[in-house]
Protein backbone atom coordinates (compact mmCIF):
# COMPACT_ATOMS: atom_id res chain seq x y z
CA UNK A 1 0.00 0.00 0.00
CA UNK A 2 1.42 3.35 -1.06
CA UNK A 3 1.03 6.62 0.81
CA UNK A 4 -0.62 9.70 -0.71
CA UNK A 5 2.82 11.29 -1.13
CA UNK A 6 4.11 8.23 -2.95
CA UNK A 7 1.08 8.22 -5.26
CA UNK A 8 1.58 11.94 -5.86
CA UNK A 9 5.25 11.28 -6.67
CA UNK A 10 4.35 8.61 -9.24
CA UNK A 11 1.83 10.93 -10.91
CA UNK A 12 4.23 13.89 -10.90
CA UNK A 13 7.10 11.80 -12.21
CA UNK A 14 4.98 10.56 -15.12
CA UNK A 15 4.14 14.16 -15.97
CA UNK A 16 7.62 15.66 -15.58
CA UNK A 17 10.15 12.84 -16.03
CA UNK A 18 12.21 14.51 -13.30
CA UNK A 19 12.56 12.60 -10.03
CA UNK A 20 13.70 15.54 -7.90
CA UNK A 21 10.97 17.84 -9.19
CA UNK A 22 8.36 15.10 -8.77
CA UNK A 23 9.44 14.54 -5.16
CA UNK A 24 9.16 18.25 -4.44
CA UNK A 25 5.74 18.43 -6.15
CA UNK A 26 4.59 15.46 -4.05
CA UNK A 27 5.42 17.32 -0.85
CA UNK A 28 8.86 16.09 0.07
CA UNK A 29 11.23 18.76 1.32
CA UNK A 30 13.19 20.67 -1.31
CA UNK A 31 16.44 19.85 0.46
CA UNK A 32 15.79 16.09 0.37
CA UNK A 33 13.94 15.98 -2.95
CA UNK A 34 16.88 14.95 -5.14
CA UNK A 35 17.86 11.91 -3.07
CA UNK A 36 14.26 11.05 -2.20
CA UNK A 37 13.20 11.34 -5.83
CA UNK A 38 15.94 8.97 -6.96
CA UNK A 39 14.99 6.48 -4.25
CA UNK A 40 11.28 6.66 -5.06
CA UNK A 41 11.96 6.32 -8.78
CA UNK A 42 13.81 3.07 -8.18
CA UNK A 43 11.29 1.81 -5.61
CA UNK A 44 8.25 2.45 -7.81
CA UNK A 45 9.70 1.81 -11.28
CA UNK A 46 6.98 -0.71 -12.12
CA UNK A 47 4.17 1.56 -10.89
CA UNK A 48 5.67 4.45 -12.87
CA UNK A 49 5.76 2.31 -16.02
CA UNK A 50 2.14 1.20 -15.47
CA UNK A 51 0.96 4.77 -14.83
CA UNK A 52 2.83 6.05 -17.89
CA UNK A 53 1.15 3.43 -20.09
CA UNK A 54 -2.22 4.33 -18.58
CA UNK A 55 -1.69 8.05 -19.17
CA UNK A 56 -0.58 7.44 -22.77
CA UNK A 57 -3.58 5.21 -23.47
CA UNK A 58 -5.93 7.81 -21.98
CA UNK A 59 -4.40 10.57 -24.10
CA UNK A 60 -4.42 8.79 -27.46
CA UNK A 61 -8.10 9.41 -28.36
CA UNK A 62 -7.76 13.16 -27.77
CA UNK A 63 -4.53 13.34 -29.76
CA UNK A 64 -6.06 11.41 -32.65
CA UNK A 65 -9.11 13.67 -32.64
CA UNK A 66 -6.90 16.77 -32.74
CA UNK A 67 -4.78 15.28 -35.53
CA UNK A 68 -7.92 14.49 -37.53
CA UNK A 69 -9.14 18.05 -36.97
CA UNK A 70 -5.82 19.50 -38.15
CA UNK A 71 -5.79 17.29 -41.23
CA UNK A 72 -9.31 18.38 -42.15
CA UNK A 73 -8.41 22.07 -41.70
CA UNK A 74 -5.27 21.80 -43.85
């Protein structure tokens, strides 16, 4: 079971790709964010990969719709 901060880290890391920034965004102290981010990235690598796939899958329909719109306007 992950904590809210850990879940927030996973989400932020998937959005930014930056472990230190994700740790800070999740509420870890700025001073400790670099080391904590690296540690969390390693600890939750599988969850990060799963969340990234989920986010990509969720975004595809919107991207395809926008692409179709742009093609039709060209």
